[in-house]
Amino acid sequence: MLSTNTKSQSNTRVRRKNIKFSFLISLIILSLISCEEEELNRESSCNENEAIFTSTIRSFIIEFAKTRATGTNWDKQDAIGIYAIEAEQELNEESIYNGYSNIKYINTTSGEVANYSAADNKILLPVNNQTFNFISYYPYTSNITEFTIPIDITVQEPREDINIMYATSKGHTWDNSNVEFEFQRVLSSILIHLSSKEGIELQDATIIIENASTNATFNLADGEVSVGQEKNAIIPKIEYDIDKNELITIATLMPGQDLSDLKIKIKLANGNDYICVPDQYILPSQVTRCYEFNLTYDDVELTSSGSTIKDWEYDIDDTVHILKPVPKDNTEDPDEGENPDEGEYPEEGEDPEEGDPDETEDTDDPEALGNGTQEKPYTVQQAITAGGETAWVEGYIIGFAERESTGFSLNSDDFSTVFALNNIVLTDKTSEIDLDLMILIDFTNDEQIKGSLNLQDNTHLLYRKIKIHCNLRNVYVVPGGKNVTDFEIFPQE
């Protein structure tokens, strides 16, 4: 028979076994729960795979300025927006997968290749046979309406705000989730490199580009830019090299911009102004049009120009263009009056007191200068320096121009060529022989005006005085007029 003490010890051992057994059961249950959670997590992880995004910028480097805005390097913290859409679908609300619309990703490195991490939501691809396309743009913005981004280049700084780029990447699945974007720029630009072999001080100079198209919308669905009608002056940032006394500027422009519609004003710190109207050139997207100018005391010399695109093949224009400085005649503001002591100086060797017998007006006389109106048209010399304006110009028809590799030649005898049907040449006097004092008028825009003014059908107009309303822009890479809208022939003298 067991004693009371022995029974107590036996009961204690039983309770301990029960506790151990209960604890073991609890561990097993917890282990099973943990395993089940891990299995669920593994199953969830296996059902989705994170997309990994990297990118490069298509080569866009120029020899004049290797700034970030024109180079191929990314900066740390550069942000892009990404859309994930079902393959073979256009970008719209229905084609966007899992709400992955304008997802912000941020670059984590600096260099030619960017590696992106999600700012918030990661883009995860399902483990199935679905295929996806990705659309991306730079720089990131939340200001998007119906998949379009408004663009305004009136303010040129900071450059990265208007350095808009676009990329697509197609055919990605859960087992092909490494997405490489090759970004391309969607806008264009103009580069101006200004120096002075004569040592004219260029520090603190400013450059103003007038009449530029400045507003557009960018469609993320197809990467197209739709340019608006608004035109403004833009003032690009200038980089000045004090050691070389050179300056360079790059201005962002809209694709499709006709550069001959622009008026480039160069304003020096000493008060001298120069105006340049480029030759006709329709600026494609992703292209930088490059100009090098040599500033002299008398004029600005265009020493070379060309275009850069993708791998920077140059389209060089070797013609040397001369831009005369703006005369100090106050013709741009007729309300302020004119100083009779100011005006253009006579040509070297010319007697300012002598008149020309076949010249009805003295173009060196400020009172004879016009203001571009029909009542008081520009003289030919004024029109040459007023490039970019739409105005009236008055002069004598002394022939027509035949295009040559370096400009044009004057023909006043043989009107059988096609050039005689398309243009006339005006001067301030009928005896003029200096090509730099002639202006070409191209009237091919209007068949009726062409029929009335071409010298092939109207030889009687030779040496007649005429005034013409047109847009003052280069013809055959020299000062001229286009888009003639009206004219008036003076009575026979």
Protein backbone atom coordinates (compact mmCIF):
# COMPACT_ATOMS: atom_id res chain seq x y z
CA MET A 1 0.00 0.00 0.00
CA LEU A 2 1.33 3.36 -1.06
CA SER A 3 1.90 6.00 1.47
CA THR A 4 0.41 9.46 1.18
CA ASN A 5 3.79 10.89 0.29
CA THR A 6 4.29 8.34 -2.48
CA LYS A 7 0.85 9.15 -3.98
CA SER A 8 1.66 12.84 -3.97
CA GLN A 9 4.93 12.30 -5.82
CA SER A 10 3.18 10.12 -8.39
CA ASN A 11 0.51 12.77 -9.04
CA THR A 12 3.18 15.41 -9.44
CA ARG A 13 4.96 13.34 -12.10
CA VAL A 14 1.69 12.85 -13.98
CA ARG A 15 0.97 16.59 -13.95
CA ARG A 16 4.47 17.31 -15.23
CA LYS A 17 4.00 14.84 -18.08
CA ASN A 18 0.68 16.45 -18.94
CA ILE A 19 2.28 19.91 -18.98
CA LYS A 20 5.11 18.69 -21.19
CA PHE A 21 2.64 17.00 -23.50
CA SER A 22 0.48 20.12 -23.70
CA PHE A 23 3.54 22.25 -24.40
CA LEU A 24 4.62 19.83 -27.11
CA ILE A 25 1.17 19.95 -28.69
CA SER A 26 1.30 23.78 -28.64
CA LEU A 27 4.69 23.78 -30.33
CA ILE A 28 3.43 21.44 -33.02
CA ILE A 29 0.37 23.63 -33.64
CA LEU A 30 2.48 26.81 -33.79
CA SER A 31 4.89 25.09 -36.13
CA LEU A 32 2.07 24.01 -38.39
CA ILE A 33 0.63 27.54 -38.42
CA SER A 34 4.05 29.02 -39.18
CA CYS A 35 4.63 26.53 -41.97
CA GLU A 36 1.22 27.31 -43.40
CA GLU A 37 1.96 31.06 -43.37
CA GLU A 38 5.33 30.51 -45.00
CA GLU A 39 3.68 28.34 -47.63
CA LEU A 40 1.08 31.02 -48.26
CA ASN A 41 3.80 33.66 -48.54
CA ARG A 42 5.77 31.45 -50.90
CA GLU A 43 2.64 30.86 -52.93
CA SER A 44 1.95 34.62 -53.04
CA SER A 45 5.56 35.33 -53.98
CA CYS A 46 5.48 32.69 -56.67
CA ASN A 47 2.30 34.16 -58.13
CA GLU A 48 3.91 37.59 -58.72
CA ASN A 49 7.34 38.73 -59.83
CA GLU A 50 8.67 42.27 -59.41
CA ALA A 51 9.57 44.14 -62.58
CA ILE A 52 13.12 45.55 -62.56
CA PHE A 53 13.65 48.79 -64.48
CA THR A 54 16.90 50.15 -65.93
CA SER A 55 17.46 52.78 -68.60
CA THR A 56 19.91 54.59 -70.84
CA ILE A 57 19.64 57.78 -72.89
CA ARG A 58 20.18 57.58 -76.62
CA SER A 59 23.49 59.27 -77.44
CA PHE A 60 23.01 63.01 -77.67
CA ILE A 61 26.42 64.53 -76.90
CA ILE A 62 27.80 67.61 -78.60
CA GLU A 63 31.35 68.84 -78.66
CA PHE A 64 30.54 72.37 -77.55
CA ALA A 65 28.76 71.69 -74.27
CA LYS A 66 28.68 68.41 -72.40
CA THR A 67 26.05 69.50 -69.93
CA ARG A 68 23.63 67.08 -68.32
CA ALA A 69 20.77 68.58 -70.28
CA THR A 70 22.38 67.46 -73.52
CA GLY A 71 24.39 64.45 -72.38
CA THR A 72 23.58 60.82 -71.72
CA ASN A 73 24.15 60.60 -67.96
CA TRP A 74 21.48 60.23 -65.32
CA ASP A 75 21.63 61.90 -61.93
CA LYS A 76 20.78 60.21 -58.69
CA GLN A 77 17.17 60.88 -57.66
CA ASP A 78 16.02 61.44 -61.26
CA ALA A 79 12.39 60.33 -61.31
CA ILE A 80 10.38 58.76 -64.13
CA GLY A 81 6.74 57.77 -64.53
CA ILE A 82 5.81 54.27 -65.73
CA TYR A 83 2.64 52.75 -67.18
CA ALA A 84 2.09 48.98 -67.43
CA ILE A 85 -0.37 47.97 -70.14
CA GLU A 86 -1.50 44.72 -71.65
CA ALA A 87 0.40 43.77 -74.81
CA GLU A 88 -1.04 44.74 -78.19
CA GLN A 89 -3.11 47.46 -76.52
CA GLU A 90 -2.95 51.23 -76.74
CA LEU A 91 -2.58 53.29 -73.60
CA ASN A 92 -6.01 53.92 -72.11
CA GLU A 93 -7.86 53.32 -68.86
CA GLU A 94 -8.98 49.83 -69.91
CA SER A 95 -5.55 48.60 -71.02
CA ILE A 96 -3.70 49.56 -67.82
CA TYR A 97 -2.84 46.47 -65.77
CA ASN A 98 -3.65 46.36 -62.08
CA GLY A 99 -3.86 50.15 -61.75
CA TYR A 100 -0.18 50.62 -62.61
CA SER A 101 -0.68 54.13 -64.00
CA ASN A 102 2.04 56.79 -63.73
CA ILE A 103 3.93 54.83 -61.09
CA LYS A 104 6.86 56.84 -59.81
CA TYR A 105 10.32 55.24 -59.88
CA ILE A 106 13.50 56.95 -58.67
CA ASN A 107 17.05 56.43 -59.92
CA THR A 108 19.42 55.14 -57.24
CA THR A 109 22.71 55.65 -59.11
CA SER A 110 24.54 58.21 -61.23
CA GLY A 111 25.93 57.44 -64.66
CA GLU A 112 24.93 56.33 -68.13
CA VAL A 113 22.74 53.49 -66.82
CA ALA A 114 19.99 54.26 -64.34
CA ASN A 115 18.69 51.71 -61.84
CA TYR A 116 15.24 52.46 -60.53
CA SER A 117 13.44 51.69 -57.31
CA ALA A 118 9.76 52.26 -56.71
CA ALA A 119 8.98 55.41 -54.77
CA ASP A 120 5.92 53.70 -53.30
CA ASN A 121 4.06 50.94 -55.16
CA LYS A 122 6.11 48.28 -56.92
CA ILE A 123 5.00 46.94 -60.28
CA LEU A 124 4.48 43.17 -59.92
CA LEU A 125 3.87 40.83 -62.84
CA PRO A 126 1.59 37.78 -62.44
CA VAL A 127 2.94 34.26 -62.88
CA ASN A 128 0.98 33.29 -65.97
CA ASN A 129 1.15 33.66 -69.71
CA GLN A 130 0.22 37.35 -69.80
CA THR A 131 2.49 39.70 -71.75
CA PHE A 132 2.91 43.38 -70.93
CA ASN A 133 4.27 46.55 -72.48
CA PHE A 134 5.69 49.48 -70.55
CA ILE A 135 5.62 53.20 -71.33
CA SER A 136 7.83 55.65 -69.47
CA TYR A 137 8.67 59.34 -69.56
CA TYR A 138 11.00 61.82 -67.85
CA PRO A 139 10.78 63.97 -65.75
CA TYR A 140 8.03 62.65 -63.50
CA THR A 141 4.96 64.82 -63.03
CA SER A 142 1.50 64.38 -61.58
CA ASN A 143 0.14 67.04 -63.96
CA ILE A 144 -1.26 64.60 -66.54
CA THR A 145 -4.70 64.82 -68.13
CA GLU A 146 -6.00 62.03 -70.37
CA PHE A 147 -2.44 60.75 -70.80
CA THR A 148 -1.15 64.10 -72.10
CA ILE A 149 1.44 66.39 -70.50
CA PRO A 150 1.37 70.18 -71.06
CA ILE A 151 4.67 71.67 -72.24
CA ASP A 152 5.75 75.30 -71.89
CA ILE A 153 9.33 76.20 -72.84
CA THR A 154 9.00 79.96 -72.29
CA VAL A 155 11.08 79.61 -69.11
CA GLN A 156 14.25 77.75 -70.06
CA GLU A 157 15.61 77.08 -66.57
CA PRO A 158 15.99 74.66 -64.95
CA ARG A 159 16.76 72.76 -68.15
CA GLU A 160 15.82 69.36 -66.73
CA ASP A 161 12.21 70.52 -66.32
CA ILE A 162 11.84 70.81 -70.10
CA ASN A 163 14.28 68.04 -71.06
CA ILE A 164 11.38 65.71 -71.82
CA MET A 165 12.21 62.12 -72.78
CA TYR A 166 10.15 59.10 -73.74
CA ALA A 167 10.68 55.34 -73.90
CA THR A 168 8.75 52.13 -74.45
CA SER A 169 9.63 48.49 -73.81
CA LYS A 170 7.49 45.62 -75.09
CA GLY A 171 6.92 41.91 -74.63
CA HIS A 172 7.56 41.34 -70.92
CA THR A 173 6.29 38.43 -68.83
CA TRP A 174 6.88 37.19 -65.29
CA ASP A 175 10.02 35.32 -66.41
CA ASN A 176 11.19 38.29 -68.52
CA SER A 177 10.75 41.04 -65.97
CA ASN A 178 13.98 42.97 -66.56
CA VAL A 179 12.77 46.06 -68.40
CA GLU A 180 15.37 48.19 -70.20
CA PHE A 181 14.26 51.62 -71.37
CA GLU A 182 16.16 53.54 -74.06
CA PHE A 183 14.99 57.12 -73.63
CA GLN A 184 14.81 59.56 -76.52
CA ARG A 185 14.25 63.29 -76.34
CA VAL A 186 10.98 64.53 -77.78
CA LEU A 187 11.87 68.23 -78.14
CA SER A 188 14.61 69.96 -80.12
CA SER A 189 17.15 72.69 -79.51
CA ILE A 190 19.39 75.32 -81.02
CA LEU A 191 22.99 75.85 -79.96
CA ILE A 192 24.79 79.16 -80.43
CA HIS A 193 28.55 79.44 -79.92
CA LEU A 194 29.75 83.05 -80.03
CA SER A 195 33.35 84.23 -80.09
CA SER A 196 35.25 87.31 -81.28
CA LYS A 197 38.58 87.15 -83.06
CA GLU A 198 38.77 90.93 -82.75
CA GLY A 199 38.58 90.73 -78.97
CA ILE A 200 35.16 92.31 -78.45
CA GLU A 201 34.10 91.79 -74.84
CA LEU A 202 31.32 89.20 -74.66
CA GLN A 203 30.92 88.98 -70.91
CA ASP A 204 27.41 89.84 -69.68
CA ALA A 205 25.99 89.54 -73.20
CA THR A 206 22.42 88.29 -73.51
CA ILE A 207 20.71 86.36 -76.28
CA ILE A 208 16.97 86.64 -76.90
CA ILE A 209 15.18 84.34 -79.33
CA GLU A 210 11.95 85.94 -80.49
CA ASN A 211 8.86 84.47 -82.17
CA ALA A 212 9.45 80.92 -80.92
CA SER A 213 6.60 78.44 -80.53
CA THR A 214 6.48 77.82 -76.79
CA ASN A 215 3.44 75.69 -75.93
CA ALA A 216 2.51 72.11 -76.79
CA THR A 217 1.01 68.90 -75.44
CA PHE A 218 2.86 65.59 -75.26
CA ASN A 219 0.82 62.42 -75.82
CA LEU A 220 2.11 59.49 -73.77
CA ALA A 221 0.14 57.00 -75.88
CA ASP A 222 2.21 57.57 -79.02
CA GLY A 223 5.02 59.94 -78.00
CA GLU A 224 3.80 62.70 -80.32
CA VAL A 225 4.11 66.43 -79.60
CA SER A 226 1.26 68.71 -80.73
CA VAL A 227 2.56 72.27 -80.97
CA GLY A 228 0.19 75.13 -80.18
CA GLN A 229 -0.15 78.57 -81.75
CA GLU A 230 1.36 80.62 -78.92
CA LYS A 231 4.66 82.35 -79.69
CA ASN A 232 6.94 84.11 -77.23
CA ALA A 233 10.48 85.32 -76.73
CA ILE A 234 12.76 82.98 -74.82
CA ILE A 235 15.97 83.86 -73.01
CA PRO A 236 18.27 80.84 -72.67
CA LYS A 237 20.97 80.60 -70.05
CA ILE A 238 24.44 81.58 -71.26
CA GLU A 239 27.68 79.93 -70.21
CA TYR A 240 30.63 82.33 -70.49
CA ASP A 241 34.27 81.23 -70.70
CA ILE A 242 36.25 84.12 -69.25
CA ASP A 243 39.61 82.69 -70.36
CA LYS A 244 38.60 82.36 -74.03
CA ASN A 245 36.08 85.23 -74.10
CA GLU A 246 33.50 82.89 -75.62
CA LEU A 247 29.93 82.14 -74.77
CA ILE A 248 27.61 79.29 -75.54
CA THR A 249 23.89 78.82 -75.10
CA ILE A 250 21.47 76.01 -75.79
CA ALA A 251 17.78 76.83 -76.14
CA THR A 252 15.09 74.16 -76.12
CA LEU A 253 12.68 74.55 -79.05
CA MET A 254 9.62 72.74 -80.33
CA PRO A 255 9.98 70.11 -83.06
CA GLY A 256 8.77 71.44 -86.38
CA GLN A 257 9.99 74.97 -85.60
CA ASP A 258 10.96 76.82 -88.78
CA LEU A 259 14.18 78.53 -87.72
CA SER A 260 13.72 81.22 -90.36
CA ASP A 261 10.71 82.44 -88.35
CA LEU A 262 12.99 83.23 -85.41
CA LYS A 263 14.76 86.49 -84.71
CA ILE A 264 17.92 86.01 -82.65
CA LYS A 265 19.00 89.17 -80.85
CA ILE A 266 22.51 89.43 -79.44
CA LYS A 267 22.81 92.28 -76.94
CA LEU A 268 26.27 93.23 -75.72
CA ALA A 269 27.01 94.92 -72.42
CA ASN A 270 28.35 97.97 -74.30
CA GLY A 271 24.90 98.58 -75.79
CA ASN A 272 25.54 97.23 -79.29
CA ASP A 273 22.85 94.96 -80.70
CA TYR A 274 22.97 92.40 -83.48
CA ILE A 275 20.09 90.55 -85.11
CA CYS A 276 20.24 87.20 -86.88
CA VAL A 277 17.49 85.44 -88.82
CA PRO A 278 18.58 81.86 -89.62
CA ASP A 279 18.05 80.28 -93.00
CA GLN A 280 14.92 78.22 -93.47
CA TYR A 281 15.29 74.96 -91.57
CA ILE A 282 12.46 72.84 -90.16
CA LEU A 283 13.77 71.50 -86.86
CA PRO A 284 13.10 67.76 -86.39
CA SER A 285 12.62 66.24 -82.96
CA GLN A 286 15.76 65.06 -81.13
CA VAL A 287 17.91 67.43 -83.22
CA THR A 288 20.17 70.26 -82.11
CA ARG A 289 20.89 72.84 -84.78
CA CYS A 290 24.36 74.31 -84.17
CA TYR A 291 25.63 77.74 -85.13
CA GLU A 292 29.05 79.30 -84.63
CA PHE A 293 29.31 83.08 -84.87
CA ASN A 294 32.37 85.31 -84.97
CA LEU A 295 31.54 88.78 -83.69
CA THR A 296 33.38 91.67 -85.35
CA TYR A 297 33.11 95.42 -84.94
CA ASP A 298 31.09 95.69 -88.14
CA ASP A 299 29.02 92.52 -88.26
CA VAL A 300 28.48 88.98 -87.07
CA GLU A 301 29.95 86.27 -89.24
CA LEU A 302 28.36 82.82 -89.29
CA THR A 303 31.39 80.59 -89.65
CA SER A 304 29.60 77.23 -89.62
CA SER A 305 26.31 75.59 -88.87
CA GLY A 306 25.03 72.05 -88.72
CA SER A 307 22.66 69.60 -87.08
CA THR A 308 23.16 66.88 -84.53
CA ILE A 309 20.93 63.84 -84.28
CA LYS A 310 21.31 60.56 -82.38
CA ASP A 311 24.95 59.67 -83.16
CA TRP A 312 25.69 63.29 -84.12
CA GLU A 313 26.15 63.18 -87.85
CA TYR A 314 26.71 66.78 -88.92
CA ASP A 315 24.80 68.51 -91.68
CA ILE A 316 27.26 71.36 -92.22
CA ASP A 317 26.43 74.54 -94.07
CA ASP A 318 29.80 75.94 -95.15
CA THR A 319 28.36 79.18 -96.51
CA VAL A 320 29.55 82.28 -94.65
CA HIS A 321 26.62 84.54 -93.79
CA ILE A 322 27.08 88.18 -92.85
CA LEU A 323 24.78 89.85 -90.35
CA LYS A 324 24.91 93.63 -90.22
CA PRO A 325 24.61 95.36 -86.84
CA VAL A 326 21.34 97.09 -86.09
CA PRO A 327 21.60 100.73 -87.24
CA LYS A 328 21.03 103.35 -84.57
CA ASP A 329 18.20 105.03 -86.47
CA ASN A 330 15.32 104.46 -84.04
CA THR A 331 13.20 102.99 -86.83
CA GLU A 332 11.90 100.36 -84.46
CA ASP A 333 10.18 103.05 -82.39
CA PRO A 334 8.95 105.82 -84.70
CA ASP A 335 7.07 107.56 -81.90
CA GLU A 336 10.29 108.65 -80.25
CA GLY A 337 11.39 110.70 -83.24
CA GLU A 338 14.65 110.52 -85.12
CA ASN A 339 17.95 112.25 -84.64
CA PRO A 340 19.03 113.80 -87.95
CA ASP A 341 22.65 113.49 -86.90
CA GLU A 342 22.38 109.70 -86.67
CA GLY A 343 22.12 107.23 -89.51
CA GLU A 344 24.13 104.87 -91.62
CA TYR A 345 27.58 106.05 -92.60
CA PRO A 346 28.41 106.39 -96.32
CA GLU A 347 30.38 103.66 -98.00
CA GLU A 348 34.16 104.01 -97.88
CA GLY A 349 35.31 106.34 -100.65
CA GLU A 350 31.83 107.73 -101.24
CA ASP A 351 31.19 111.46 -101.02
CA PRO A 352 28.25 111.95 -98.67
CA GLU A 353 27.42 115.25 -100.37
CA GLU A 354 27.03 113.65 -103.78
CA GLY A 355 23.69 112.22 -104.81
CA ASP A 356 22.95 109.48 -107.27
CA PRO A 357 21.15 110.71 -110.38
CA ASP A 358 18.87 107.69 -110.55
CA GLU A 359 18.14 107.56 -106.83
CA THR A 360 14.97 109.36 -105.81
CA GLU A 361 15.68 109.10 -102.08
CA ASP A 362 18.85 109.47 -100.06
CA THR A 363 18.91 106.34 -97.89
CA ASP A 364 21.60 107.90 -95.70
CA ASP A 365 19.18 110.65 -94.75
CA PRO A 366 17.28 109.68 -91.58
CA GLU A 367 14.24 111.59 -92.78
CA ALA A 368 14.09 109.33 -95.85
CA LEU A 369 14.03 106.13 -93.80
CA GLY A 370 10.78 104.21 -93.48
CA ASN A 371 9.11 102.35 -90.65
CA GLY A 372 7.83 99.35 -92.60
CA THR A 373 4.28 100.62 -93.12
CA GLN A 374 2.56 100.94 -96.48
CA GLU A 375 2.71 104.72 -96.21
CA LYS A 376 6.37 104.70 -95.25
CA PRO A 377 7.96 101.42 -96.36
CA TYR A 378 11.46 100.29 -95.49
CA THR A 379 14.30 101.05 -97.84
CA VAL A 380 16.17 98.01 -99.13
CA GLN A 381 19.06 98.67 -96.74
CA GLN A 382 16.62 98.83 -93.83
CA ALA A 383 14.88 95.63 -94.91
CA ILE A 384 18.21 93.79 -95.00
CA THR A 385 18.71 94.44 -91.27
CA ALA A 386 15.04 93.96 -90.29
CA GLY A 387 14.96 90.21 -90.81
CA GLY A 388 12.03 88.39 -89.23
CA GLU A 389 9.52 91.21 -89.56
CA THR A 390 6.51 91.32 -91.84
CA ALA A 391 6.63 94.74 -93.44
CA TRP A 392 6.52 96.85 -96.58
CA VAL A 393 9.76 97.39 -98.50
CA GLU A 394 10.36 99.73 -101.42
CA GLY A 395 12.95 99.55 -104.18
CA TYR A 396 13.79 99.22 -107.86
CA ILE A 397 13.46 95.92 -109.74
CA ILE A 398 16.88 95.38 -111.32
CA GLY A 399 16.51 91.71 -112.33
CA PHE A 400 16.10 88.31 -110.73
CA ALA A 401 18.36 85.98 -108.76
CA GLU A 402 19.80 82.67 -109.88
CA ARG A 403 20.84 80.41 -107.03
CA GLU A 404 24.47 79.41 -106.67
CA SER A 405 26.38 77.36 -104.10
CA THR A 406 27.56 80.50 -102.29
CA GLY A 407 24.39 82.56 -102.61
CA PHE A 408 23.06 84.03 -105.85
CA SER A 409 23.98 85.84 -109.04
CA LEU A 410 22.04 88.72 -110.56
CA ASN A 411 20.51 88.28 -114.01
CA SER A 412 19.07 91.33 -115.75
CA ASP A 413 19.17 90.08 -119.35
CA ASP A 414 17.99 86.51 -119.94
CA PHE A 415 14.49 85.91 -118.54
CA SER A 416 14.02 82.44 -120.05
CA THR A 417 15.12 80.50 -116.95
CA VAL A 418 12.76 79.20 -114.27
CA PHE A 419 14.27 81.58 -111.71
CA ALA A 420 12.79 84.52 -113.62
CA LEU A 421 9.36 83.09 -112.80
CA ASN A 422 9.97 82.90 -109.06
CA ASN A 423 11.70 86.04 -107.77
CA ILE A 424 12.84 89.58 -108.35
CA VAL A 425 15.76 91.57 -106.91
CA LEU A 426 15.26 95.02 -105.37
CA THR A 427 17.81 97.76 -104.67
CA ASP A 428 17.67 101.36 -103.52
CA LYS A 429 19.08 102.57 -106.84
CA THR A 430 19.01 101.14 -110.35
CA SER A 431 22.79 101.33 -110.79
CA GLU A 432 23.58 99.19 -107.74
CA ILE A 433 26.14 96.41 -108.33
CA ASP A 434 26.92 95.36 -104.74
CA LEU A 435 25.09 92.10 -104.01
CA ASP A 436 25.15 92.88 -100.29
CA LEU A 437 22.87 95.86 -100.95
CA MET A 438 20.24 93.83 -102.80
CA ILE A 439 17.23 91.98 -101.44
CA LEU A 440 15.57 88.96 -103.07
CA ILE A 441 11.78 88.75 -103.13
CA ASP A 442 10.34 85.25 -103.57
CA PHE A 443 6.65 85.28 -104.59
CA THR A 444 6.08 81.57 -105.26
CA ASN A 445 3.49 81.46 -102.46
CA ASP A 446 0.83 83.23 -104.56
CA GLU A 447 0.15 82.31 -108.19
CA GLN A 448 -1.69 85.56 -108.93
CA ILE A 449 1.13 87.73 -107.58
CA LYS A 450 3.65 85.50 -109.32
CA GLY A 451 1.85 86.06 -112.62
CA SER A 452 1.89 89.82 -112.11
CA LEU A 453 5.53 90.26 -111.06
CA ASN A 454 7.67 87.58 -112.74
CA LEU A 455 10.07 89.07 -115.28
CA GLN A 456 9.63 86.26 -117.78
CA ASP A 457 6.08 87.46 -118.49
CA ASN A 458 6.52 91.10 -117.40
CA THR A 459 9.81 92.35 -118.80
CA HIS A 460 8.41 95.89 -118.79
CA LEU A 461 8.81 95.89 -114.99
CA LEU A 462 12.61 95.93 -115.21
CA TYR A 463 13.94 99.05 -113.42
CA ARG A 464 10.46 99.99 -112.26
CA LYS A 465 9.95 101.12 -108.68
CA ILE A 466 7.75 98.93 -106.48
CA LYS A 467 6.77 98.42 -102.87
CA ILE A 468 5.96 94.96 -101.57
CA HIS A 469 4.42 93.58 -98.38
CA CYS A 470 6.20 90.39 -97.32
CA ASN A 471 7.91 88.49 -94.52
CA LEU A 472 11.55 89.57 -94.37
CA ARG A 473 13.48 86.31 -94.22
CA ASN A 474 16.38 84.72 -96.04
CA VAL A 475 16.10 83.59 -99.64
CA TYR A 476 19.02 81.59 -101.08
CA VAL A 477 20.82 82.10 -97.73
CA VAL A 478 20.86 85.89 -98.15
CA PRO A 479 18.47 88.59 -96.88
CA GLY A 480 15.18 88.51 -98.72
CA GLY A 481 11.42 88.43 -98.53
CA LYS A 482 8.86 85.62 -98.75
CA ASN A 483 5.11 85.13 -98.48
CA VAL A 484 4.23 88.23 -100.52
CA THR A 485 0.66 89.35 -99.79
CA ASP A 486 0.43 92.70 -101.60
CA PHE A 487 2.36 95.04 -103.87
CA GLU A 488 2.12 98.43 -105.53
CA ILE A 489 3.94 99.44 -108.72
CA PHE A 490 4.88 103.11 -109.00
CA PRO A 491 4.14 105.05 -112.20
CA GLN A 492 6.86 105.11 -114.84
CA GLU A 493 9.44 107.76 -113.98
